[in-house]
């Protein structure tokens, strides 16, 4: 865990001097919730999740992972194949995990059909070609009740701010 840092800052505004304490957020990195894992064995993140300002705004609705020599993509949790096919010229595999959670891997190619049950860690696909991810990367997206969320929320490792007492 990172240590919190306290720094006194003076702010000058309209003749009024305000003294404020600025606290740096301590990063708390949690473990993955039971039943979730990364879809690759060796995790190297090349592009982090970036939430858009609004539903149609720019952002990066998932995490891109470097594959190196990996030739297998695994189910991050138990579920059922909800979609396996081409979208805009690239292979996409979508897994419905129940309770409104859906994960997507792309580009990915699978022999599994829609409705096939998968268990956490099962091989569900091989890396494919195309899409926005750099060659040699795979995009890993998560939706909760139709809204994109940071995959790290299910895998642990989301830095969260810890509010510390002032003064």
N, C-alpha and C. Protein backbone atom coordinates (compact mmCIF):
# COMPACT_ATOMS: atom_id res chain seq x y z
N UNK A 1 0.85 -1.17 0.00
CA UNK A 1 0.00 0.00 0.00
C UNK A 1 0.89 1.23 0.00
N UNK A 2 0.53 2.20 -0.81
CA UNK A 2 1.30 3.44 -0.83
C UNK A 2 1.01 4.24 0.43
N UNK A 3 2.00 5.02 0.87
CA UNK A 3 1.80 5.84 2.06
C UNK A 3 1.11 7.14 1.69
N UNK A 4 0.27 7.62 2.58
CA UNK A 4 -0.39 8.90 2.35
C UNK A 4 0.62 10.02 2.58
N UNK A 5 0.50 11.04 1.80
CA UNK A 5 1.42 12.17 1.90
C UNK A 5 0.61 13.41 2.22
N UNK A 6 1.04 14.16 3.22
CA UNK A 6 0.34 15.38 3.59
C UNK A 6 1.21 16.59 3.20
N UNK A 7 0.61 17.54 2.55
CA UNK A 7 1.36 18.72 2.10
C UNK A 7 0.51 19.96 2.34
N UNK A 8 1.06 20.92 3.00
CA UNK A 8 0.33 22.17 3.24
C UNK A 8 0.47 23.07 2.03
N UNK A 9 -0.63 23.66 1.64
CA UNK A 9 -0.64 24.52 0.47
C UNK A 9 -1.35 25.82 0.84
N UNK A 10 -0.81 26.90 0.44
CA UNK A 10 -1.46 28.19 0.65
C UNK A 10 -2.11 28.63 -0.64
N UNK A 11 -3.32 29.09 -0.53
CA UNK A 11 -4.04 29.55 -1.71
C UNK A 11 -4.39 31.02 -1.50
N UNK A 12 -4.08 31.85 -2.46
CA UNK A 12 -4.37 33.28 -2.40
C UNK A 12 -5.58 33.54 -3.27
N UNK A 13 -6.61 34.14 -2.74
CA UNK A 13 -7.78 34.40 -3.55
C UNK A 13 -8.53 35.61 -3.07
N UNK A 14 -8.62 36.66 -3.89
CA UNK A 14 -9.35 37.89 -3.60
C UNK A 14 -9.00 38.48 -2.23
N UNK A 15 -7.72 38.47 -1.94
CA UNK A 15 -7.26 39.07 -0.71
C UNK A 15 -7.44 38.20 0.52
N UNK A 16 -8.02 37.05 0.36
CA UNK A 16 -8.23 36.16 1.50
C UNK A 16 -7.23 35.01 1.38
N UNK A 17 -6.49 34.82 2.44
CA UNK A 17 -5.50 33.75 2.43
C UNK A 17 -6.12 32.52 3.08
N UNK A 18 -6.16 31.45 2.32
CA UNK A 18 -6.76 30.22 2.80
C UNK A 18 -5.67 29.17 2.92
N UNK A 19 -5.61 28.54 4.05
CA UNK A 19 -4.62 27.48 4.25
C UNK A 19 -5.37 26.16 4.14
N UNK A 20 -4.91 25.29 3.23
CA UNK A 20 -5.59 24.02 3.02
C UNK A 20 -4.59 22.89 3.16
N UNK A 21 -5.06 21.80 3.65
CA UNK A 21 -4.23 20.59 3.72
C UNK A 21 -4.63 19.70 2.55
N UNK A 22 -3.64 19.29 1.81
CA UNK A 22 -3.90 18.42 0.67
C UNK A 22 -3.40 17.04 1.03
N UNK A 23 -4.25 16.07 0.93
CA UNK A 23 -3.88 14.70 1.25
C UNK A 23 -3.83 13.88 -0.03
N UNK A 24 -2.73 13.23 -0.26
CA UNK A 24 -2.63 12.33 -1.40
C UNK A 24 -3.40 11.06 -1.07
N UNK A 25 -4.06 10.51 -2.07
CA UNK A 25 -4.83 9.28 -1.85
C UNK A 25 -3.88 8.11 -1.68
N UNK A 26 -4.16 7.29 -0.70
CA UNK A 26 -3.39 6.06 -0.52
C UNK A 26 -4.01 5.01 -1.42
N UNK A 27 -3.20 4.29 -2.14
CA UNK A 27 -3.72 3.26 -3.01
C UNK A 27 -3.95 1.98 -2.22
N UNK A 28 -5.14 1.47 -2.36
CA UNK A 28 -5.46 0.22 -1.70
C UNK A 28 -5.79 -0.77 -2.81
N UNK A 29 -4.95 -1.75 -2.97
CA UNK A 29 -5.14 -2.71 -4.03
C UNK A 29 -5.69 -3.98 -3.43
N UNK A 30 -6.91 -4.31 -3.81
CA UNK A 30 -7.57 -5.47 -3.24
C UNK A 30 -7.34 -6.72 -4.07
N UNK A 31 -7.67 -7.83 -3.50
CA UNK A 31 -7.56 -9.11 -4.20
C UNK A 31 -8.79 -9.31 -5.07
N UNK A 32 -8.68 -10.21 -6.02
CA UNK A 32 -9.80 -10.51 -6.90
C UNK A 32 -10.93 -11.15 -6.11
N UNK A 33 -12.18 -10.76 -6.41
CA UNK A 33 -13.30 -11.41 -5.76
C UNK A 33 -13.30 -12.90 -6.10
N UNK A 34 -13.89 -13.69 -5.24
CA UNK A 34 -13.96 -15.12 -5.50
C UNK A 34 -14.59 -15.39 -6.86
N UNK A 35 -13.99 -16.29 -7.60
CA UNK A 35 -14.57 -16.70 -8.87
C UNK A 35 -14.12 -15.92 -10.08
N UNK A 36 -13.24 -14.91 -9.94
CA UNK A 36 -12.78 -14.12 -11.08
C UNK A 36 -11.27 -14.21 -11.22
N UNK A 37 -10.82 -14.20 -12.49
CA UNK A 37 -9.40 -14.25 -12.81
C UNK A 37 -9.17 -13.50 -14.12
N UNK A 38 -7.92 -13.18 -14.40
CA UNK A 38 -7.58 -12.55 -15.67
C UNK A 38 -7.76 -13.56 -16.80
N UNK A 39 -8.09 -13.11 -18.00
CA UNK A 39 -8.28 -14.04 -19.12
C UNK A 39 -6.97 -14.53 -19.75
N UNK A 40 -5.85 -14.02 -19.26
CA UNK A 40 -4.53 -14.45 -19.72
C UNK A 40 -3.70 -14.85 -18.51
N UNK A 41 -2.68 -15.69 -18.73
CA UNK A 41 -1.85 -16.16 -17.62
C UNK A 41 -0.88 -15.09 -17.13
N UNK A 42 -0.24 -14.40 -18.07
CA UNK A 42 0.77 -13.39 -17.73
C UNK A 42 0.18 -12.02 -18.04
N UNK A 43 -0.20 -11.30 -17.02
CA UNK A 43 -0.90 -10.04 -17.19
C UNK A 43 0.07 -8.89 -17.42
N UNK A 44 -0.02 -8.30 -18.61
CA UNK A 44 0.71 -7.08 -18.94
C UNK A 44 -0.32 -6.15 -19.58
N UNK A 45 -0.69 -5.11 -18.86
CA UNK A 45 -1.70 -4.17 -19.35
C UNK A 45 -1.01 -3.14 -20.25
N UNK A 46 -1.54 -3.01 -21.47
CA UNK A 46 -0.97 -2.03 -22.40
C UNK A 46 -1.85 -0.79 -22.54
N UNK A 47 -3.13 -0.90 -22.17
CA UNK A 47 -4.04 0.25 -22.22
C UNK A 47 -5.10 0.06 -21.15
N UNK A 48 -5.13 0.98 -20.21
CA UNK A 48 -6.08 0.90 -19.09
C UNK A 48 -7.48 1.34 -19.49
N UNK A 49 -8.44 0.99 -18.67
CA UNK A 49 -9.82 1.44 -18.81
C UNK A 49 -9.88 2.94 -18.61
N UNK A 50 -10.63 3.62 -19.47
CA UNK A 50 -10.84 5.06 -19.34
C UNK A 50 -12.33 5.32 -19.53
N UNK A 51 -13.01 5.63 -18.44
CA UNK A 51 -14.45 5.86 -18.49
C UNK A 51 -14.77 7.08 -19.34
N UNK A 52 -15.79 6.98 -20.18
CA UNK A 52 -16.21 8.16 -20.94
C UNK A 52 -16.99 9.11 -20.04
N UNK A 53 -17.04 10.38 -20.42
CA UNK A 53 -17.77 11.38 -19.64
C UNK A 53 -19.28 11.15 -19.72
N UNK A 54 -19.74 10.56 -20.82
CA UNK A 54 -21.16 10.24 -20.99
C UNK A 54 -21.26 9.01 -21.88
N UNK A 55 -22.45 8.47 -22.02
CA UNK A 55 -22.66 7.19 -22.72
C UNK A 55 -22.05 7.14 -24.12
N UNK A 56 -22.05 8.24 -24.84
CA UNK A 56 -21.54 8.23 -26.21
C UNK A 56 -20.22 8.96 -26.34
N UNK A 57 -19.60 9.30 -25.23
CA UNK A 57 -18.34 10.03 -25.25
C UNK A 57 -17.14 9.13 -25.51
N UNK A 58 -16.01 9.75 -25.84
CA UNK A 58 -14.80 8.96 -26.07
C UNK A 58 -14.30 8.35 -24.76
N UNK A 59 -13.67 7.24 -24.88
CA UNK A 59 -13.10 6.55 -23.72
C UNK A 59 -12.54 5.20 -24.17
N UNK A 60 -12.08 4.45 -23.24
CA UNK A 60 -11.59 3.10 -23.54
C UNK A 60 -12.31 2.16 -22.59
N UNK A 61 -13.31 1.46 -23.12
CA UNK A 61 -14.26 0.69 -22.33
C UNK A 61 -13.77 -0.73 -22.07
N UNK A 62 -12.58 -0.84 -21.55
CA UNK A 62 -11.99 -2.13 -21.24
C UNK A 62 -10.52 -1.97 -21.00
N UNK A 63 -9.82 -3.10 -20.94
CA UNK A 63 -8.38 -3.12 -20.72
C UNK A 63 -7.75 -3.92 -21.85
N UNK A 64 -6.67 -3.40 -22.44
CA UNK A 64 -5.93 -4.15 -23.45
C UNK A 64 -4.78 -4.87 -22.76
N UNK A 65 -4.62 -6.14 -23.10
CA UNK A 65 -3.61 -7.00 -22.49
C UNK A 65 -2.64 -7.52 -23.53
N UNK A 66 -1.35 -7.46 -23.25
CA UNK A 66 -0.31 -8.00 -24.14
C UNK A 66 -0.37 -9.51 -24.06
N UNK A 67 -0.28 -10.16 -25.20
CA UNK A 67 -0.36 -11.62 -25.25
C UNK A 67 0.99 -12.30 -25.26
N UNK A 68 2.02 -11.63 -25.75
CA UNK A 68 3.33 -12.26 -25.92
C UNK A 68 3.16 -13.58 -26.66
N UNK A 69 3.53 -14.69 -26.05
CA UNK A 69 3.42 -15.98 -26.73
C UNK A 69 2.16 -16.75 -26.37
N UNK A 70 1.27 -16.13 -25.61
CA UNK A 70 0.05 -16.84 -25.19
C UNK A 70 -0.86 -17.09 -26.39
N UNK A 71 -1.37 -18.28 -26.47
CA UNK A 71 -2.26 -18.65 -27.56
C UNK A 71 -3.62 -19.09 -27.05
N UNK A 72 -3.89 -18.82 -25.77
CA UNK A 72 -5.17 -19.21 -25.20
C UNK A 72 -5.76 -18.07 -24.38
N UNK A 73 -7.05 -17.84 -24.56
CA UNK A 73 -7.77 -16.88 -23.75
C UNK A 73 -8.72 -17.67 -22.87
N UNK A 74 -8.79 -17.32 -21.61
CA UNK A 74 -9.54 -18.11 -20.63
C UNK A 74 -10.75 -17.35 -20.10
N UNK A 75 -11.74 -18.10 -19.65
CA UNK A 75 -12.92 -17.50 -19.03
C UNK A 75 -12.52 -16.87 -17.71
N UNK A 76 -12.86 -15.60 -17.49
CA UNK A 76 -12.51 -14.96 -16.23
C UNK A 76 -13.37 -15.45 -15.05
N UNK A 77 -14.51 -16.06 -15.35
CA UNK A 77 -15.40 -16.59 -14.32
C UNK A 77 -16.36 -17.57 -14.99
N UNK A 78 -17.09 -18.31 -14.19
CA UNK A 78 -18.09 -19.23 -14.72
C UNK A 78 -19.12 -18.46 -15.52
N UNK A 79 -19.63 -19.09 -16.58
CA UNK A 79 -20.66 -18.44 -17.39
C UNK A 79 -21.07 -19.27 -18.56
N UNK A 80 -21.70 -18.60 -19.52
CA UNK A 80 -22.20 -19.23 -20.74
C UNK A 80 -21.81 -18.35 -21.92
N UNK A 81 -21.36 -18.96 -23.00
CA UNK A 81 -21.04 -18.19 -24.21
C UNK A 81 -22.33 -17.54 -24.71
N UNK A 82 -22.33 -16.21 -24.76
CA UNK A 82 -23.52 -15.47 -25.19
C UNK A 82 -23.42 -15.05 -26.66
N UNK A 83 -22.17 -14.87 -27.14
CA UNK A 83 -21.94 -14.50 -28.54
C UNK A 83 -20.57 -14.97 -28.94
N UNK A 84 -20.47 -15.47 -30.15
CA UNK A 84 -19.19 -15.87 -30.72
C UNK A 84 -19.29 -15.65 -32.22
N UNK A 85 -18.59 -14.65 -32.72
CA UNK A 85 -18.66 -14.36 -34.14
C UNK A 85 -17.95 -13.08 -34.49
N UNK A 86 -18.24 -12.59 -35.69
CA UNK A 86 -17.60 -11.40 -36.22
C UNK A 86 -18.42 -10.14 -35.92
N UNK A 87 -17.71 -9.09 -35.53
CA UNK A 87 -18.31 -7.77 -35.36
C UNK A 87 -17.34 -6.79 -36.01
N UNK A 88 -17.80 -6.11 -37.03
CA UNK A 88 -16.98 -5.13 -37.74
C UNK A 88 -15.64 -5.72 -38.18
N UNK A 89 -15.66 -6.96 -38.65
CA UNK A 89 -14.47 -7.58 -39.21
C UNK A 89 -13.51 -8.21 -38.22
N UNK A 90 -13.87 -8.28 -36.95
CA UNK A 90 -12.99 -8.92 -35.97
C UNK A 90 -13.79 -9.93 -35.16
N UNK A 91 -13.10 -10.95 -34.70
CA UNK A 91 -13.75 -11.97 -33.89
C UNK A 91 -13.99 -11.48 -32.48
N UNK A 92 -15.17 -11.79 -31.96
CA UNK A 92 -15.57 -11.38 -30.62
C UNK A 92 -16.17 -12.57 -29.89
N UNK A 93 -15.78 -12.75 -28.63
CA UNK A 93 -16.36 -13.78 -27.78
C UNK A 93 -16.91 -13.08 -26.54
N UNK A 94 -18.20 -13.32 -26.28
CA UNK A 94 -18.86 -12.70 -25.13
C UNK A 94 -19.37 -13.80 -24.21
N UNK A 95 -19.11 -13.62 -22.91
CA UNK A 95 -19.53 -14.59 -21.90
C UNK A 95 -20.50 -13.91 -20.94
N UNK A 96 -21.66 -14.54 -20.75
CA UNK A 96 -22.65 -14.05 -19.78
C UNK A 96 -22.39 -14.78 -18.47
N UNK A 97 -22.08 -14.03 -17.42
CA UNK A 97 -21.75 -14.61 -16.12
C UNK A 97 -22.93 -14.59 -15.16
N UNK A 98 -24.07 -14.11 -15.60
CA UNK A 98 -25.22 -13.99 -14.72
C UNK A 98 -25.16 -12.73 -13.89
N UNK A 99 -26.24 -12.42 -13.22
CA UNK A 99 -26.32 -11.23 -12.36
C UNK A 99 -25.96 -9.95 -13.11
N UNK A 100 -26.24 -9.90 -14.41
CA UNK A 100 -25.99 -8.70 -15.19
C UNK A 100 -24.57 -8.50 -15.64
N UNK A 101 -23.66 -9.44 -15.36
CA UNK A 101 -22.25 -9.30 -15.74
C UNK A 101 -21.95 -10.04 -17.04
N UNK A 102 -21.33 -9.32 -17.96
CA UNK A 102 -20.95 -9.86 -19.26
C UNK A 102 -19.53 -9.43 -19.56
N UNK A 103 -18.69 -10.38 -20.03
CA UNK A 103 -17.33 -10.03 -20.44
C UNK A 103 -17.17 -10.28 -21.93
N UNK A 104 -16.27 -9.51 -22.53
CA UNK A 104 -16.00 -9.63 -23.96
C UNK A 104 -14.50 -9.66 -24.19
N UNK A 105 -14.09 -10.56 -25.08
CA UNK A 105 -12.70 -10.68 -25.52
C UNK A 105 -12.66 -10.42 -27.01
N UNK A 106 -11.73 -9.56 -27.44
CA UNK A 106 -11.58 -9.30 -28.87
C UNK A 106 -10.20 -8.75 -29.19
N UNK A 107 -9.63 -9.06 -30.30
CA UNK A 107 -10.10 -10.04 -31.27
C UNK A 107 -9.86 -11.45 -30.75
N UNK A 108 -10.83 -12.30 -30.97
CA UNK A 108 -10.77 -13.67 -30.47
C UNK A 108 -11.55 -14.60 -31.39
N UNK A 109 -11.07 -15.82 -31.49
CA UNK A 109 -11.72 -16.84 -32.32
C UNK A 109 -11.98 -18.05 -31.44
N UNK A 110 -13.18 -18.61 -31.53
CA UNK A 110 -13.52 -19.77 -30.71
C UNK A 110 -14.26 -20.82 -31.52
N UNK A 111 -14.19 -22.03 -31.04
CA UNK A 111 -14.97 -23.12 -31.63
C UNK A 111 -16.22 -23.37 -30.80
N UNK A 112 -16.33 -22.71 -29.66
CA UNK A 112 -17.50 -22.87 -28.79
C UNK A 112 -18.70 -22.15 -29.39
N UNK A 113 -19.86 -22.74 -29.20
CA UNK A 113 -21.08 -22.14 -29.71
C UNK A 113 -21.84 -21.40 -28.62
N UNK A 114 -22.76 -20.56 -29.06
CA UNK A 114 -23.61 -19.85 -28.12
C UNK A 114 -24.34 -20.86 -27.24
N UNK A 115 -24.35 -20.61 -25.95
CA UNK A 115 -25.00 -21.51 -25.00
C UNK A 115 -24.05 -22.50 -24.34
N UNK A 116 -22.81 -22.55 -24.81
CA UNK A 116 -21.83 -23.47 -24.22
C UNK A 116 -21.45 -22.98 -22.82
N UNK A 117 -21.57 -23.83 -21.80
CA UNK A 117 -21.14 -23.42 -20.46
C UNK A 117 -19.62 -23.41 -20.37
N UNK A 118 -19.09 -22.46 -19.61
CA UNK A 118 -17.64 -22.38 -19.38
C UNK A 118 -17.40 -22.17 -17.89
N UNK A 119 -16.29 -22.70 -17.41
CA UNK A 119 -15.92 -22.53 -16.01
C UNK A 119 -14.73 -21.57 -15.94
N UNK A 120 -14.57 -20.96 -14.80
CA UNK A 120 -13.45 -20.06 -14.57
C UNK A 120 -12.15 -20.76 -14.95
N UNK A 121 -11.36 -20.13 -15.83
CA UNK A 121 -10.08 -20.68 -16.24
C UNK A 121 -10.13 -21.56 -17.47
N UNK A 122 -11.33 -21.94 -17.93
CA UNK A 122 -11.43 -22.74 -19.15
C UNK A 122 -10.91 -21.95 -20.34
N UNK A 123 -10.25 -22.63 -21.27
CA UNK A 123 -9.86 -21.99 -22.52
C UNK A 123 -11.14 -21.76 -23.32
N UNK A 124 -11.38 -20.50 -23.72
CA UNK A 124 -12.60 -20.18 -24.46
C UNK A 124 -12.31 -19.69 -25.87
N UNK A 125 -11.06 -19.27 -26.14
CA UNK A 125 -10.75 -18.74 -27.46
C UNK A 125 -9.25 -18.66 -27.67
N UNK A 126 -8.91 -18.36 -28.91
CA UNK A 126 -7.54 -18.03 -29.29
C UNK A 126 -7.53 -16.58 -29.76
N UNK A 127 -6.41 -15.91 -29.63
CA UNK A 127 -6.34 -14.53 -30.12
C UNK A 127 -6.60 -14.48 -31.62
N UNK A 128 -7.30 -13.44 -32.05
CA UNK A 128 -7.59 -13.26 -33.46
C UNK A 128 -6.86 -12.03 -33.99
N UNK A 129 -7.32 -11.54 -35.12
CA UNK A 129 -6.74 -10.37 -35.77
C UNK A 129 -7.79 -9.29 -35.93
N UNK A 130 -7.32 -8.04 -35.96
CA UNK A 130 -8.23 -6.92 -36.21
C UNK A 130 -8.64 -6.22 -34.93
N UNK A 131 -9.53 -5.25 -35.11
CA UNK A 131 -10.01 -4.49 -33.97
C UNK A 131 -9.10 -3.33 -33.64
N UNK A 132 -9.42 -2.65 -32.55
CA UNK A 132 -8.67 -1.45 -32.17
C UNK A 132 -7.41 -1.77 -31.37
N UNK A 133 -7.36 -2.93 -30.73
CA UNK A 133 -6.19 -3.28 -29.92
C UNK A 133 -4.97 -3.45 -30.82
N UNK A 134 -3.82 -3.10 -30.30
CA UNK A 134 -2.58 -3.23 -31.06
C UNK A 134 -2.34 -4.70 -31.41
N UNK A 135 -1.67 -4.98 -32.53
CA UNK A 135 -1.34 -6.37 -32.85
C UNK A 135 -0.61 -7.02 -31.68
N UNK A 136 -1.03 -8.21 -31.31
CA UNK A 136 -0.42 -8.90 -30.18
C UNK A 136 -1.11 -8.62 -28.85
N UNK A 137 -2.19 -7.81 -28.89
CA UNK A 137 -2.96 -7.50 -27.69
C UNK A 137 -4.37 -8.05 -27.83
N UNK A 138 -5.03 -8.20 -26.69
CA UNK A 138 -6.45 -8.56 -26.68
C UNK A 138 -7.17 -7.55 -25.79
N UNK A 139 -8.37 -7.17 -26.22
CA UNK A 139 -9.20 -6.23 -25.45
C UNK A 139 -10.12 -7.04 -24.56
N UNK A 140 -10.18 -6.67 -23.28
CA UNK A 140 -11.00 -7.34 -22.28
C UNK A 140 -11.98 -6.32 -21.71
N UNK A 141 -13.26 -6.47 -22.05
CA UNK A 141 -14.28 -5.54 -21.58
C UNK A 141 -15.27 -6.22 -20.65
N UNK A 142 -15.86 -5.43 -19.75
CA UNK A 142 -16.87 -5.93 -18.81
C UNK A 142 -18.04 -4.96 -18.79
N UNK A 143 -19.25 -5.52 -18.85
CA UNK A 143 -20.46 -4.72 -18.68
C UNK A 143 -21.25 -5.25 -17.49
N UNK A 144 -21.78 -4.33 -16.72
CA UNK A 144 -22.67 -4.69 -15.61
C UNK A 144 -24.00 -4.02 -15.91
N UNK A 145 -25.03 -4.83 -16.09
CA UNK A 145 -26.36 -4.32 -16.43
C UNK A 145 -26.31 -3.40 -17.64
N UNK A 146 -25.50 -3.77 -18.64
CA UNK A 146 -25.42 -3.03 -19.90
C UNK A 146 -24.46 -1.86 -19.91
N UNK A 147 -23.92 -1.48 -18.77
CA UNK A 147 -22.99 -0.36 -18.68
C UNK A 147 -21.57 -0.88 -18.53
N UNK A 148 -20.64 -0.30 -19.29
CA UNK A 148 -19.25 -0.71 -19.18
C UNK A 148 -18.67 -0.30 -17.83
N UNK A 149 -17.89 -1.20 -17.25
CA UNK A 149 -17.21 -0.93 -15.98
C UNK A 149 -15.76 -1.34 -16.11
N UNK A 150 -14.95 -0.86 -15.22
CA UNK A 150 -13.53 -1.21 -15.21
C UNK A 150 -13.38 -2.69 -14.83
N UNK A 151 -12.78 -3.51 -15.68
CA UNK A 151 -12.60 -4.92 -15.35
C UNK A 151 -11.87 -5.15 -14.03
N UNK A 152 -11.03 -4.21 -13.64
CA UNK A 152 -10.29 -4.37 -12.39
C UNK A 152 -11.23 -4.41 -11.18
N UNK A 153 -12.46 -3.91 -11.33
CA UNK A 153 -13.41 -3.97 -10.22
C UNK A 153 -13.71 -5.42 -9.85
N UNK A 154 -13.61 -6.31 -10.81
CA UNK A 154 -13.90 -7.72 -10.56
C UNK A 154 -12.63 -8.53 -10.31
N UNK A 155 -11.50 -7.94 -10.62
CA UNK A 155 -10.24 -8.66 -10.53
C UNK A 155 -9.36 -8.18 -9.39
N UNK A 156 -9.77 -7.17 -8.71
CA UNK A 156 -8.92 -6.56 -7.69
C UNK A 156 -7.96 -5.61 -8.37
N UNK A 157 -7.31 -4.79 -7.59
CA UNK A 157 -6.31 -3.90 -8.15
C UNK A 157 -6.81 -2.54 -8.55
N UNK A 158 -8.07 -2.19 -8.23
CA UNK A 158 -8.52 -0.84 -8.53
C UNK A 158 -8.03 0.06 -7.42
N UNK A 159 -7.20 1.03 -7.77
CA UNK A 159 -6.77 1.95 -6.74
C UNK A 159 -7.99 2.73 -6.24
N UNK A 160 -8.12 2.86 -4.95
CA UNK A 160 -9.23 3.64 -4.43
C UNK A 160 -8.67 4.69 -3.48
N UNK A 161 -9.34 5.80 -3.43
CA UNK A 161 -8.91 6.87 -2.55
C UNK A 161 -9.28 6.54 -1.13
N UNK A 162 -8.40 6.83 -0.23
CA UNK A 162 -8.66 6.67 1.19
C UNK A 162 -8.64 8.07 1.79
N UNK A 163 -9.75 8.49 2.35
CA UNK A 163 -9.81 9.81 2.96
C UNK A 163 -9.17 9.76 4.33
N UNK A 164 -8.25 10.66 4.54
CA UNK A 164 -7.52 10.73 5.79
C UNK A 164 -7.95 11.97 6.55
N UNK A 165 -7.87 11.92 7.87
CA UNK A 165 -8.27 13.10 8.66
C UNK A 165 -7.33 14.27 8.37
N UNK A 166 -7.92 15.41 8.35
CA UNK A 166 -7.16 16.61 8.11
C UNK A 166 -6.71 17.21 9.44
N UNK A 167 -5.58 17.76 9.49
CA UNK A 167 -5.03 18.57 10.59
C UNK A 167 -4.81 17.79 11.85
